[in-house]
Amino acid sequence: MAVTIQYLVVRNGIEKMTFTNKKDADAYDRLLELAEHLDALLASGPVALGEEDREALALFLAQHQDRLSGPKKTPAKKAAKPTAEIKVVA
Protein backbone atom coordinates (compact mmCIF):
# COMPACT_ATOMS: atom_id res chain seq x y z
CA MET A 1 0.00 0.00 0.00
CA ALA A 2 1.43 3.37 -1.02
CA VAL A 3 0.92 6.55 0.95
CA THR A 4 0.41 9.71 -1.08
CA ILE A 5 0.55 13.15 0.45
CA GLN A 6 -1.81 15.68 -1.09
CA TYR A 7 -1.95 19.41 -0.52
CA LEU A 8 -5.35 21.04 -0.89
CA VAL A 9 -5.76 24.70 -1.73
CA VAL A 10 -8.99 25.85 -0.10
CA ARG A 11 -10.41 29.36 -0.51
CA ASN A 12 -13.54 30.54 1.31
CA GLY A 13 -14.40 26.96 2.19
CA ILE A 14 -14.18 25.79 -1.42
CA GLU A 15 -11.55 23.30 -2.54
CA LYS A 16 -9.80 24.92 -5.50
CA MET A 17 -7.00 22.52 -6.44
CA THR A 18 -5.10 19.48 -5.20
CA PHE A 19 -1.32 19.14 -5.48
CA THR A 20 1.23 16.51 -4.57
CA ASN A 21 3.96 19.13 -4.18
CA LYS A 22 3.87 21.73 -1.37
CA LYS A 23 5.79 24.27 -3.45
CA ASP A 24 3.19 24.14 -6.24
CA ALA A 25 0.33 24.36 -3.74
CA ASP A 26 1.87 27.45 -2.12
CA ALA A 27 2.44 29.07 -5.52
CA TYR A 28 -1.19 28.48 -6.49
CA ASP A 29 -2.36 29.85 -3.15
CA ARG A 30 -0.31 33.03 -3.74
CA LEU A 31 -1.83 33.29 -7.22
CA LEU A 32 -5.34 33.14 -5.74
CA GLU A 33 -4.41 35.76 -3.13
CA LEU A 34 -3.21 38.09 -5.89
CA ALA A 35 -6.40 37.44 -7.87
CA GLU A 36 -8.49 38.37 -4.80
CA HIS A 37 -6.49 41.59 -4.40
CA LEU A 38 -6.93 42.43 -8.09
CA ASP A 39 -10.65 41.66 -7.84
CA ALA A 40 -11.02 44.20 -5.03
CA LEU A 41 -9.04 46.73 -7.05
CA LEU A 42 -11.19 46.17 -10.13
CA ALA A 43 -14.35 46.51 -8.05
CA SER A 44 -13.28 50.02 -7.05
CA GLY A 45 -12.28 50.94 -10.60
CA PRO A 46 -14.10 53.25 -13.03
CA VAL A 47 -15.46 50.41 -15.21
CA ALA A 48 -18.51 48.49 -14.00
CA LEU A 49 -18.00 44.75 -14.43
CA GLY A 50 -20.23 41.91 -13.37
CA GLU A 51 -18.89 39.84 -10.48
CA GLU A 52 -18.19 36.79 -12.64
CA ASP A 53 -16.40 38.83 -15.33
CA ARG A 54 -14.42 40.76 -12.71
CA GLU A 55 -13.26 37.55 -11.01
CA ALA A 56 -12.29 36.00 -14.36
CA LEU A 57 -10.33 39.12 -15.32
CA ALA A 58 -8.62 39.25 -11.92
CA LEU A 59 -7.56 35.60 -12.22
CA PHE A 60 -6.33 36.16 -15.79
CA LEU A 61 -4.25 39.17 -14.70
CA ALA A 62 -2.82 37.22 -11.76
CA GLN A 63 -1.87 34.33 -14.04
CA HIS A 64 -0.10 36.73 -16.44
CA GLN A 65 1.49 39.02 -13.87
CA ASP A 66 4.93 38.61 -15.44
CA ARG A 67 3.65 40.26 -18.63
CA LEU A 68 2.02 43.23 -16.87
CA SER A 69 5.26 45.15 -16.39
CA GLY A 70 5.86 45.34 -20.13
CA PRO A 71 8.58 43.86 -22.27
CA LYS A 72 11.86 43.07 -20.64
CA LYS A 73 14.85 44.97 -21.88
CA THR A 74 17.73 42.84 -22.98
CA PRO A 75 21.14 44.25 -22.19
CA ALA A 76 23.05 45.53 -25.20
CA LYS A 77 25.88 43.32 -26.28
CA LYS A 78 29.27 44.79 -25.65
CA ALA A 79 31.37 45.45 -28.70
CA ALA A 80 34.35 43.17 -29.04
CA LYS A 81 37.54 44.77 -27.87
CA PRO A 82 39.87 45.52 -30.76
CA THR A 83 42.98 43.42 -30.76
CA ALA A 84 46.24 45.27 -30.65
CA GLU A 85 48.25 45.09 -33.85
CA ILE A 86 52.00 44.86 -33.57
CA LYS A 87 53.98 46.26 -36.46
CA VAL A 88 57.56 45.22 -36.92
CA VAL A 89 59.70 47.89 -38.51
CA ALA A 90 62.95 46.69 -40.00
C-alpha atoms as a PDB file:
ATOM      1  CA  MET A   1       0.000   0.000   0.000  1.00  0.00           C
ATOM      2  CA  ALA A   2       1.431   3.373  -1.022  1.00  0.00           C
ATOM      3  CA  VAL A   3       0.920   6.552   0.946  1.00  0.00           C
ATOM      4  CA  THR A   4       0.411   9.714  -1.082  1.00  0.00           C
ATOM      5  CA  ILE A   5       0.552  13.154   0.453  1.00  0.00           C
ATOM      6  CA  GLN A   6      -1.805  15.676  -1.092  1.00  0.00           C
ATOM      7  CA  TYR A   7      -1.952  19.413  -0.523  1.00  0.00           C
ATOM      8  CA  LEU A   8      -5.351  21.042  -0.893  1.00  0.00           C
ATOM      9  CA  VAL A   9      -5.756  24.703  -1.731  1.00  0.00           C
ATOM     10  CA  VAL A  10      -8.995  25.849  -0.099  1.00  0.00           C
ATOM     11  CA  ARG A  11     -10.407  29.362  -0.512  1.00  0.00           C
ATOM     12  CA  ASN A  12     -13.539  30.545   1.305  1.00  0.00           C
ATOM     13  CA  GLY A  13     -14.398  26.959   2.192  1.00  0.00           C
ATOM     14  CA  ILE A  14     -14.175  25.795  -1.425  1.00  0.00           C
ATOM     15  CA  GLU A  15     -11.546  23.297  -2.536  1.00  0.00           C
ATOM     16  CA  LYS A  16      -9.802  24.917  -5.499  1.00  0.00           C
ATOM     17  CA  MET A  17      -7.002  22.525  -6.438  1.00  0.00           C
ATOM     18  CA  THR A  18      -5.096  19.479  -5.197  1.00  0.00           C
ATOM     19  CA  PHE A  19      -1.323  19.140  -5.482  1.00  0.00           C
ATOM     20  CA  THR A  20       1.233  16.505  -4.568  1.00  0.00           C
ATOM     21  CA  ASN A  21       3.956  19.132  -4.176  1.00  0.00           C
ATOM     22  CA  LYS A  22       3.872  21.734  -1.372  1.00  0.00           C
ATOM     23  CA  LYS A  23       5.794  24.275  -3.449  1.00  0.00           C
ATOM     24  CA  ASP A  24       3.191  24.141  -6.238  1.00  0.00           C
ATOM     25  CA  ALA A  25       0.327  24.362  -3.738  1.00  0.00           C
ATOM     26  CA  ASP A  26       1.871  27.445  -2.118  1.00  0.00           C
ATOM     27  CA  ALA A  27       2.445  29.071  -5.515  1.00  0.00           C
ATOM     28  CA  TYR A  28      -1.189  28.484  -6.494  1.00  0.00           C
ATOM     29  CA  ASP A  29      -2.363  29.854  -3.151  1.00  0.00           C
ATOM     30  CA  ARG A  30      -0.311  33.027  -3.741  1.00  0.00           C
ATOM     31  CA  LEU A  31      -1.833  33.290  -7.223  1.00  0.00           C
ATOM     32  CA  LEU A  32      -5.337  33.139  -5.744  1.00  0.00           C
ATOM     33  CA  GLU A  33      -4.407  35.764  -3.131  1.00  0.00           C
ATOM     34  CA  LEU A  34      -3.207  38.087  -5.888  1.00  0.00           C
ATOM     35  CA  ALA A  35      -6.401  37.439  -7.868  1.00  0.00           C
ATOM     36  CA  GLU A  36      -8.491  38.374  -4.798  1.00  0.00           C
ATOM     37  CA  HIS A  37      -6.486  41.590  -4.397  1.00  0.00           C
ATOM     38  CA  LEU A  38      -6.935  42.429  -8.086  1.00  0.00           C
ATOM     39  CA  ASP A  39     -10.652  41.659  -7.841  1.00  0.00           C
ATOM     40  CA  ALA A  40     -11.017  44.201  -5.033  1.00  0.00           C
ATOM     41  CA  LEU A  41      -9.037  46.734  -7.050  1.00  0.00           C
ATOM     42  CA  LEU A  42     -11.185  46.172 -10.134  1.00  0.00           C
ATOM     43  CA  ALA A  43     -14.353  46.506  -8.053  1.00  0.00           C
ATOM     44  CA  SER A  44     -13.280  50.018  -7.054  1.00  0.00           C
ATOM     45  CA  GLY A  45     -12.278  50.942 -10.604  1.00  0.00           C
ATOM     46  CA  PRO A  46     -14.095  53.245 -13.035  1.00  0.00           C
ATOM     47  CA  VAL A  47     -15.459  50.412 -15.205  1.00  0.00           C
ATOM     48  CA  ALA A  48     -18.506  48.493 -14.001  1.00  0.00           C
ATOM     49  CA  LEU A  49     -18.005  44.753 -14.426  1.00  0.00           C
ATOM     50  CA  GLY A  50     -20.230  41.914 -13.370  1.00  0.00           C
ATOM     51  CA  GLU A  51     -18.887  39.844 -10.483  1.00  0.00           C
ATOM     52  CA  GLU A  52     -18.188  36.786 -12.644  1.00  0.00           C
ATOM     53  CA  ASP A  53     -16.405  38.830 -15.328  1.00  0.00           C
ATOM     54  CA  ARG A  54     -14.424  40.759 -12.705  1.00  0.00           C
ATOM     55  CA  GLU A  55     -13.262  37.549 -11.008  1.00  0.00           C
ATOM     56  CA  ALA A  56     -12.291  35.999 -14.359  1.00  0.00           C
ATOM     57  CA  LEU A  57     -10.333  39.124 -15.319  1.00  0.00           C
ATOM     58  CA  ALA A  58      -8.615  39.249 -11.924  1.00  0.00           C
ATOM     59  CA  LEU A  59      -7.556  35.598 -12.224  1.00  0.00           C
ATOM     60  CA  PHE A  60      -6.331  36.164 -15.791  1.00  0.00           C
ATOM     61  CA  LEU A  61      -4.248  39.169 -14.698  1.00  0.00           C
ATOM     62  CA  ALA A  62      -2.818  37.219 -11.756  1.00  0.00           C
ATOM     63  CA  GLN A  63      -1.865  34.329 -14.039  1.00  0.00           C
ATOM     64  CA  HIS A  64      -0.105  36.725 -16.438  1.00  0.00           C
ATOM     65  CA  GLN A  65       1.489  39.024 -13.871  1.00  0.00           C
ATOM     66  CA  ASP A  66       4.933  38.605 -15.445  1.00  0.00           C
ATOM     67  CA  ARG A  67       3.649  40.265 -18.634  1.00  0.00           C
ATOM     68  CA  LEU A  68       2.020  43.230 -16.875  1.00  0.00           C
ATOM     69  CA  SER A  69       5.257  45.152 -16.393  1.00  0.00           C
ATOM     70  CA  GLY A  70       5.858  45.341 -20.129  1.00  0.00           C
ATOM     71  CA  PRO A  71       8.582  43.858 -22.274  1.00  0.00           C
ATOM     72  CA  LYS A  72      11.858  43.072 -20.636  1.00  0.00           C
ATOM     73  CA  LYS A  73      14.847  44.973 -21.882  1.00  0.00           C
ATOM     74  CA  THR A  74      17.728  42.838 -22.981  1.00  0.00           C
ATOM     75  CA  PRO A  75      21.144  44.250 -22.192  1.00  0.00           C
ATOM     76  CA  ALA A  76      23.048  45.531 -25.199  1.00  0.00           C
ATOM     77  CA  LYS A  77      25.882  43.316 -26.281  1.00  0.00           C
ATOM     78  CA  LYS A  78      29.269  44.790 -25.645  1.00  0.00           C
ATOM     79  CA  ALA A  79      31.365  45.450 -28.698  1.00  0.00           C
ATOM     80  CA  ALA A  80      34.345  43.175 -29.041  1.00  0.00           C
ATOM     81  CA  LYS A  81      37.539  44.769 -27.869  1.00  0.00           C
ATOM     82  CA  PRO A  82      39.870  45.520 -30.763  1.00  0.00           C
ATOM     83  CA  THR A  83      42.977  43.417 -30.757  1.00  0.00           C
ATOM     84  CA  ALA A  84      46.239  45.272 -30.654  1.00  0.00           C
ATOM     85  CA  GLU A  85      48.250  45.093 -33.848  1.00  0.00           C
ATOM     86  CA  ILE A  86      52.001  44.855 -33.569  1.00  0.00           C
ATOM     87  CA  LYS A  87      53.979  46.257 -36.457  1.00  0.00           C
ATOM     88  CA  VAL A  88      57.560  45.224 -36.921  1.00  0.00           C
ATOM     89  CA  VAL A  89      59.703  47.888 -38.509  1.00  0.00           C
ATOM     90  CA  ALA A  90      62.946  46.694 -39.995  1.00  0.00           C
END
